[in-house]
């Protein structure tokens, strides 16, 4: 059963919207609901006031998946899972530039028994060059972890993201774009302990990311679904200093990443490198990712390849076993990212932190995003 708290937000928003409409129509005979509110569907069900002050859009993401692993030194597995089942609410309130987003992972996703809060933030988009976001959201670190989960080129993100990347965290992010969107920046202060977690000590994680859009504004998509007639090229760098990571004995960590992303005429490419250095252990871990894709049939059939490798020296824990993956993906887009079917194969070296365990993995996933 979905927690009742999931519904408090949309119901409360509707009450707020109704109050705004009543005030806007004070002294008038017209029905405030029909005169001041617009309801429709555009990549999600929406309801908004005509003046644009209040808006609410509701979306769902469903990703049922079949997962097969032919394992070396372990038992083979065949299973159906619900990789993602998400309910999303986003829009604006009080001011068109005051944006919000709330997202839950629904019960049953990957075996979870209860709903799980993923995103909850407010973003004051005052000017293009100065905006401030507060709440829980993705850490603006590398290109792969910022790619939307509904726009992934392979069935899921790589081992780089699992080991050396970031997910969501709690904090504040000052961000914006400069020079006609040629330069993007993010400066953030976070707990550093992951989503839905308080800070376990008195030290916070600080960092920043800068992206230079060399050829047009690139955004965080890898596939060239639109078959761009003008090339898009972006170079991004980011750095994080975690003064006391509670999950690693309060060790001091520095994280650095750089990525290059390119799209042009159905072709796409992403190259990425990550580094994590532990000052207290004097150890450094490295990760490298190369990914490319091409549409055999525009807007329909895409083939992609991926290679990723991590060199572990123990900076993020005691595990020093180096994982590696190489594979290919075949994607069919029935209706853009809204309805697509993905299949990928990967060979995984030293899988599951087990030296010499080289597994073969096949995944088949259907995506419904509406």
Protein backbone atom coordinates (compact mmCIF):
# COMPACT_ATOMS: atom_id res chain seq x y z
CA UNK A 1 0.00 0.00 0.00
CA UNK A 2 1.40 3.38 -0.99
CA UNK A 3 2.11 5.62 1.96
CA UNK A 4 -0.49 8.30 2.52
CA UNK A 5 2.29 10.91 2.73
CA UNK A 6 2.83 10.52 -1.03
CA UNK A 7 -0.61 12.02 -1.60
CA UNK A 8 -0.37 14.89 0.87
CA UNK A 9 1.70 16.92 -1.60
CA UNK A 10 -0.59 16.83 -4.69
CA UNK A 11 -3.74 17.26 -2.59
CA UNK A 12 -2.22 20.19 -0.69
CA UNK A 13 -1.08 21.75 -3.96
CA UNK A 14 -4.62 21.55 -5.39
CA UNK A 15 -6.01 23.26 -2.29
CA UNK A 16 -3.40 26.02 -2.66
CA UNK A 17 -4.20 26.39 -6.35
CA UNK A 18 -7.94 26.60 -5.62
CA UNK A 19 -7.36 29.35 -3.04
CA UNK A 20 -5.29 31.32 -5.55
CA UNK A 21 -8.06 30.97 -8.15
CA UNK A 22 -10.74 32.13 -5.73
CA UNK A 23 -8.74 35.25 -4.87
CA UNK A 24 -8.12 35.96 -8.54
CA UNK A 25 -11.85 35.81 -9.19
CA UNK A 26 -13.01 37.70 -6.11
CA UNK A 27 -16.11 39.67 -6.93
CA UNK A 28 -16.68 37.95 -10.28
CA UNK A 29 -19.54 35.62 -11.16
CA UNK A 30 -17.59 33.15 -13.28
CA UNK A 31 -16.75 29.70 -12.04
CA UNK A 32 -13.13 30.06 -10.85
CA UNK A 33 -12.21 26.49 -11.81
CA UNK A 34 -13.28 26.85 -15.45
CA UNK A 35 -12.08 30.42 -15.93
CA UNK A 36 -8.65 30.34 -14.34
CA UNK A 37 -7.42 26.74 -14.47
CA UNK A 38 -6.15 24.77 -17.45
CA UNK A 39 -5.98 20.97 -17.40
CA UNK A 40 -4.37 18.84 -20.10
CA UNK A 41 -1.70 16.36 -21.08
CA UNK A 42 1.74 17.17 -22.47
CA UNK A 43 4.35 14.53 -21.65
CA UNK A 44 2.44 14.15 -18.39
CA UNK A 45 -0.88 15.20 -16.86
CA UNK A 46 -0.83 18.86 -15.87
CA UNK A 47 -3.01 21.40 -14.11
CA UNK A 48 -2.08 25.08 -13.96
CA UNK A 49 -3.45 28.56 -13.50
CA UNK A 50 -3.79 30.64 -16.65
CA UNK A 51 -1.43 33.28 -15.25
CA UNK A 52 1.31 30.64 -14.95
CA UNK A 53 1.94 31.26 -11.27
CA UNK A 54 0.88 27.79 -10.13
CA UNK A 55 1.51 24.62 -12.12
CA UNK A 56 1.63 20.91 -11.35
CA UNK A 57 2.63 18.08 -13.70
CA UNK A 58 2.41 14.39 -12.81
CA UNK A 59 4.50 11.74 -14.57
CA UNK A 60 5.10 8.02 -14.17
CA UNK A 61 8.19 5.99 -15.13
CA UNK A 62 7.87 2.20 -15.29
CA UNK A 63 10.79 -0.08 -16.22
CA UNK A 64 10.05 -3.83 -15.97
CA UNK A 65 13.20 -5.84 -16.67
CA UNK A 66 14.37 -9.41 -17.25
CA UNK A 67 17.83 -10.00 -15.85
CA UNK A 68 20.01 -13.03 -16.67
CA UNK A 69 23.53 -13.67 -15.34
CA UNK A 70 25.65 -16.63 -16.40
CA UNK A 71 28.11 -16.63 -13.51
CA UNK A 72 31.59 -18.00 -13.06
CA UNK A 73 32.29 -19.16 -9.48
CA UNK A 74 28.66 -18.51 -8.50
CA UNK A 75 25.14 -19.65 -9.31
CA UNK A 76 23.45 -18.46 -12.49
CA UNK A 77 20.43 -16.20 -12.03
CA UNK A 78 17.25 -15.53 -14.00
CA UNK A 79 14.81 -13.01 -12.63
CA UNK A 80 12.19 -10.44 -13.47
CA UNK A 81 12.50 -7.17 -11.58
CA UNK A 82 10.85 -3.77 -11.61
CA UNK A 83 13.98 -1.67 -12.09
CA UNK A 84 12.16 1.62 -11.64
CA UNK A 85 8.61 2.52 -10.77
CA UNK A 86 8.51 6.25 -10.14
CA UNK A 87 5.86 8.87 -9.54
CA UNK A 88 6.96 12.46 -10.22
CA UNK A 89 5.39 15.79 -9.32
CA UNK A 90 6.90 19.07 -10.50
CA UNK A 91 5.89 22.62 -11.38
CA UNK A 92 5.88 26.10 -9.84
CA UNK A 93 4.18 27.96 -6.99
CA UNK A 94 3.79 31.58 -5.81
CA UNK A 95 6.01 32.68 -8.72
CA UNK A 96 6.66 31.15 -12.17
CA UNK A 97 10.39 31.16 -11.35
CA UNK A 98 9.96 29.23 -8.10
CA UNK A 99 10.15 25.61 -9.23
CA UNK A 100 9.73 22.37 -7.28
CA UNK A 101 10.08 18.64 -7.81
CA UNK A 102 9.00 15.64 -5.72
CA UNK A 103 9.69 12.06 -6.82
CA UNK A 104 8.97 8.72 -5.14
CA UNK A 105 10.13 5.22 -6.00
CA UNK A 106 6.97 3.15 -5.64
CA UNK A 107 6.67 0.05 -3.45
CA UNK A 108 7.88 -3.15 -5.12
CA UNK A 109 10.72 -1.54 -7.06
CA UNK A 110 13.72 -3.89 -6.83
CA UNK A 111 12.02 -5.71 -3.99
CA UNK A 112 11.40 -2.63 -1.85
CA UNK A 113 8.43 -2.95 0.50
CA UNK A 114 7.69 0.76 0.92
CA UNK A 115 7.78 3.94 -1.13
CA UNK A 116 11.14 5.69 -1.17
CA UNK A 117 11.68 9.42 -1.51
CA UNK A 118 14.18 10.20 -4.28
CA UNK A 119 13.80 13.91 -5.12
CA UNK A 120 12.35 16.76 -3.09
CA UNK A 121 13.67 20.20 -3.90
CA UNK A 122 12.77 23.83 -4.49
CA UNK A 123 14.69 25.85 -7.11
CA UNK A 124 14.50 29.65 -7.19
CA UNK A 125 15.39 30.45 -10.80
CA UNK A 126 15.87 34.19 -10.31
CA UNK A 127 18.06 34.80 -13.36
CA UNK A 128 19.74 32.48 -15.85
CA UNK A 129 23.08 33.30 -14.26
CA UNK A 130 21.94 32.84 -10.63
CA UNK A 131 19.62 30.12 -9.36
CA UNK A 132 19.56 28.33 -6.03
CA UNK A 133 18.25 24.84 -5.31
CA UNK A 134 17.72 23.37 -1.85
CA UNK A 135 16.54 19.92 -0.81
CA UNK A 136 17.41 16.41 -2.02
CA UNK A 137 18.67 15.99 -5.58
CA UNK A 138 21.43 14.47 -7.72
CA UNK A 139 24.94 15.64 -6.85
CA UNK A 140 26.19 17.57 -9.89
CA UNK A 141 29.34 15.54 -10.41
CA UNK A 142 29.82 13.62 -13.68
CA UNK A 143 27.89 13.41 -16.95
CA UNK A 144 26.78 9.80 -16.55
CA UNK A 145 25.23 10.15 -13.11
CA UNK A 146 23.37 13.28 -14.28
CA UNK A 147 21.87 11.58 -17.35
CA UNK A 148 18.11 11.12 -16.65
CA UNK A 149 17.15 7.55 -15.78
CA UNK A 150 14.52 7.63 -18.56
CA UNK A 151 17.11 8.64 -21.21
CA UNK A 152 19.82 6.02 -20.59
CA UNK A 153 21.53 4.66 -23.70
CA UNK A 154 22.11 1.27 -22.11
CA UNK A 155 19.70 -0.51 -19.78
CA UNK A 156 21.44 1.05 -16.78
CA UNK A 157 24.45 3.14 -15.82
CA UNK A 158 27.95 1.65 -15.79
CA UNK A 159 30.11 0.27 -12.97
CA UNK A 160 31.82 3.69 -12.88
CA UNK A 161 28.65 5.25 -11.51
CA UNK A 162 28.12 2.41 -9.04
CA UNK A 163 31.61 2.62 -7.54
CA UNK A 164 32.97 6.12 -8.19
CA UNK A 165 29.87 8.16 -9.01
CA UNK A 166 27.28 9.89 -6.87
CA UNK A 167 23.55 9.60 -6.49
CA UNK A 168 21.26 11.92 -4.56
CA UNK A 169 22.14 13.83 -1.42
CA UNK A 170 20.75 16.60 0.78
CA UNK A 171 22.02 20.15 0.51
CA UNK A 172 22.06 23.38 -1.47
CA UNK A 173 23.25 24.10 -5.02
CA UNK A 174 23.90 27.54 -6.54
CA UNK A 175 23.87 27.22 -10.32
CA UNK A 176 23.33 29.05 -13.58
CA UNK A 177 24.46 29.64 -17.15
CA UNK A 178 26.66 32.39 -18.57
CA UNK A 179 27.66 33.74 -21.98
CA UNK A 180 24.48 32.67 -23.84
CA UNK A 181 24.51 29.19 -22.26
CA UNK A 182 28.11 28.57 -23.33
CA UNK A 183 29.16 28.06 -19.72
CA UNK A 184 27.25 26.24 -16.96
CA UNK A 185 28.24 26.14 -13.31
CA UNK A 186 27.13 24.44 -10.07
CA UNK A 187 28.50 25.13 -6.60
CA UNK A 188 27.11 22.90 -3.87
CA UNK A 189 27.25 22.10 -0.16
CA UNK A 190 25.89 18.65 0.79
CA UNK A 191 25.67 16.24 3.72
CA UNK A 192 27.79 13.76 1.79
CA UNK A 193 26.05 10.65 3.20
CA UNK A 194 23.53 9.83 0.46
CA UNK A 195 19.80 10.24 0.01
CA UNK A 196 17.40 10.31 2.95
CA UNK A 197 20.33 10.55 5.40
CA UNK A 198 21.23 13.17 7.97
CA UNK A 199 24.88 14.18 8.27
CA UNK A 200 26.61 11.74 10.61
CA UNK A 201 29.25 14.22 11.75
CA UNK A 202 29.82 17.99 11.75
CA UNK A 203 31.64 18.07 8.39
CA UNK A 204 29.92 18.79 5.07
CA UNK A 205 30.84 17.90 1.50
CA UNK A 206 31.65 20.81 -0.84
CA UNK A 207 32.12 20.82 -4.58
CA UNK A 208 31.44 22.32 -7.97
CA UNK A 209 31.00 21.49 -11.63
CA UNK A 210 31.69 23.58 -14.74
CA UNK A 211 30.55 22.68 -18.25
CA UNK A 212 31.76 24.42 -21.41
CA UNK A 213 29.25 24.00 -24.24
CA UNK A 214 31.76 24.29 -27.06
CA UNK A 215 29.18 23.60 -29.77
CA UNK A 216 25.64 24.39 -28.66
CA UNK A 217 23.95 23.57 -25.34
CA UNK A 218 24.44 19.85 -24.84
CA UNK A 219 22.33 18.96 -21.77
CA UNK A 220 22.70 15.60 -20.03
CA UNK A 221 21.63 13.24 -22.79
CA UNK A 222 23.91 10.76 -24.55
CA UNK A 223 21.81 9.39 -27.45
CA UNK A 224 21.35 11.58 -30.52
CA UNK A 225 17.65 10.80 -30.83
CA UNK A 226 16.99 14.08 -32.65
CA UNK A 227 19.70 13.45 -35.30
CA UNK A 228 21.23 16.89 -34.76
CA UNK A 229 22.20 18.65 -37.99
CA UNK A 230 24.63 20.84 -36.03
CA UNK A 231 27.24 19.12 -33.85
CA UNK A 232 26.95 19.37 -30.07
CA UNK A 233 30.11 19.19 -27.96
CA UNK A 234 30.48 19.74 -24.22
CA UNK A 235 33.42 19.41 -21.83
CA UNK A 236 32.74 19.14 -18.12
CA UNK A 237 34.94 19.04 -15.02
CA UNK A 238 34.00 18.71 -11.36
CA UNK A 239 35.71 18.45 -7.99
CA UNK A 240 34.48 17.51 -4.52
CA UNK A 241 36.13 17.77 -1.12
CA UNK A 242 34.63 15.61 1.63
CA UNK A 243 36.29 16.63 4.87
CA UNK A 244 35.04 13.63 6.84
CA UNK A 245 33.22 10.80 5.07
CA UNK A 246 31.25 8.97 7.75
CA UNK A 247 31.00 5.74 5.71
CA UNK A 248 34.82 5.50 5.44
CA UNK A 249 35.95 6.09 9.03
CA UNK A 250 35.56 9.87 8.65
CA UNK A 251 38.46 9.93 6.18
CA UNK A 252 39.17 13.04 4.10
CA UNK A 253 38.45 12.54 0.40
CA UNK A 254 38.95 14.48 -2.81
CA UNK A 255 36.97 13.47 -5.90
CA UNK A 256 37.77 14.77 -9.39
CA UNK A 257 36.11 13.99 -12.74
CA UNK A 258 36.24 15.12 -16.36
CA UNK A 259 34.02 14.21 -19.31
CA UNK A 260 33.58 14.95 -23.01
CA UNK A 261 30.19 14.43 -24.67
CA UNK A 262 29.42 14.68 -28.38
CA UNK A 263 26.33 14.27 -30.61
CA UNK A 264 25.96 14.74 -34.36
CA UNK A 265 23.88 13.18 -37.16
CA UNK A 266 22.67 10.14 -35.17
CA UNK A 267 26.11 9.51 -33.65
CA UNK A 268 26.92 10.03 -29.97
CA UNK A 269 29.95 9.57 -27.78
CA UNK A 270 30.91 9.98 -24.13
CA UNK A 271 34.37 9.71 -22.57
CA UNK A 272 34.72 10.05 -18.81
CA UNK A 273 37.40 9.70 -16.13
CA UNK A 274 36.95 9.71 -12.34
CA UNK A 275 39.42 9.84 -9.48
CA UNK A 276 38.97 9.45 -5.73
CA UNK A 277 41.88 10.22 -3.38
CA UNK A 278 41.89 9.36 0.33
CA UNK A 279 44.26 11.65 2.25
CA UNK A 280 44.24 9.54 5.42
CA UNK A 281 45.10 6.30 3.59
CA UNK A 282 47.22 7.93 0.85
CA UNK A 283 45.33 5.78 -1.66
CA UNK A 284 43.76 6.70 -5.01
CA UNK A 285 41.10 4.93 -7.10
CA UNK A 286 40.62 5.58 -10.83
CA UNK A 287 37.80 4.90 -13.25
CA UNK A 288 37.45 5.24 -17.03
CA UNK A 289 34.40 5.02 -19.28
CA UNK A 290 33.95 5.09 -23.03
CA UNK A 291 30.49 4.87 -24.60
CA UNK A 292 29.23 5.40 -28.14
CA UNK A 293 26.02 4.94 -30.08
CA UNK A 294 24.55 5.25 -33.56
CA UNK A 295 21.00 5.18 -34.94
CA UNK A 296 20.74 2.59 -37.70
CA UNK A 297 17.25 3.93 -38.42
CA UNK A 298 16.61 7.56 -37.38
CA UNK A 299 14.49 7.91 -34.22
CA UNK A 300 13.87 4.14 -34.10
CA UNK A 301 16.76 1.69 -33.85
CA UNK A 302 20.00 2.47 -32.02
CA UNK A 303 23.07 0.35 -31.37
CA UNK A 304 25.52 1.31 -28.61
CA UNK A 305 28.74 0.04 -27.07
CA UNK A 306 30.32 0.57 -23.65
CA UNK A 307 33.64 -0.11 -21.94
CA UNK A 308 34.42 0.75 -18.33
CA UNK A 309 37.29 -0.10 -15.98
CA UNK A 310 38.10 0.75 -12.36
CA UNK A 311 41.49 0.55 -10.68
CA UNK A 312 41.00 0.22 -6.92
CA UNK A 313 43.67 0.93 -4.33
CA UNK A 314 41.38 1.14 -1.32
CA UNK A 315 40.62 4.86 -1.13
CA UNK A 316 36.84 4.23 -0.82
CA UNK A 317 37.12 1.18 1.44
CA UNK A 318 39.07 -2.04 1.86
CA UNK A 319 38.11 -3.61 -1.51
CA UNK A 320 41.05 -3.53 -3.96
CA UNK A 321 39.62 -5.84 -6.65
CA UNK A 322 39.46 -4.13 -10.07
CA UNK A 323 36.13 -4.56 -11.92
CA UNK A 324 35.71 -4.10 -15.66
CA UNK A 325 32.82 -4.29 -18.10
CA UNK A 326 32.42 -4.34 -21.88
CA UNK A 327 29.19 -4.74 -23.78
CA UNK A 328 26.66 -3.61 -26.34
CA UNK A 329 23.07 -2.39 -26.32
CA UNK A 330 20.25 -2.45 -28.86
CA UNK A 331 17.43 0.04 -28.37
CA UNK A 332 14.13 0.37 -30.22
CA UNK A 333 12.16 3.60 -29.74
CA UNK A 334 8.45 3.11 -30.36
CA UNK A 335 7.67 6.66 -29.23
CA UNK A 336 10.88 8.48 -28.30
CA UNK A 337 11.82 7.79 -24.67
CA UNK A 338 8.16 7.41 -23.73
CA UNK A 339 7.92 3.86 -25.04
CA UNK A 340 11.14 2.01 -25.78
CA UNK A 341 12.57 -1.49 -25.60
CA UNK A 342 16.22 -2.03 -24.63
CA UNK A 343 18.41 -5.12 -24.64
CA UNK A 344 22.06 -5.21 -23.61
CA UNK A 345 24.84 -7.74 -23.08
CA UNK A 346 27.89 -7.21 -20.86
CA UNK A 347 30.92 -9.24 -19.90
CA UNK A 348 31.87 -8.40 -16.31
CA UNK A 349 35.38 -9.06 -15.02
CA UNK A 350 35.87 -9.53 -11.25
CA UNK A 351 32.15 -9.12 -10.75
CA UNK A 352 30.56 -8.74 -7.29
CA UNK A 353 33.97 -7.80 -5.81
CA UNK A 354 35.17 -11.37 -6.42
CA UNK A 355 38.58 -11.81 -8.04
CA UNK A 356 38.43 -14.13 -11.03
CA UNK A 357 34.63 -14.13 -11.19
CA UNK A 358 33.94 -13.21 -14.83
CA UNK A 359 30.20 -13.15 -15.53
CA UNK A 360 28.06 -12.69 -18.63
CA UNK A 361 24.94 -10.58 -18.18
CA UNK A 362 21.91 -10.10 -20.43
CA UNK A 363 19.14 -7.62 -19.68
CA UNK A 364 15.89 -6.88 -21.47
CA UNK A 365 13.88 -3.85 -20.39
CA UNK A 366 10.66 -2.15 -21.47
CA UNK A 367 10.21 1.51 -20.58
CA UNK A 368 6.92 3.38 -20.25
CA UNK A 369 7.27 7.08 -19.43
CA UNK A 370 4.09 9.13 -19.36
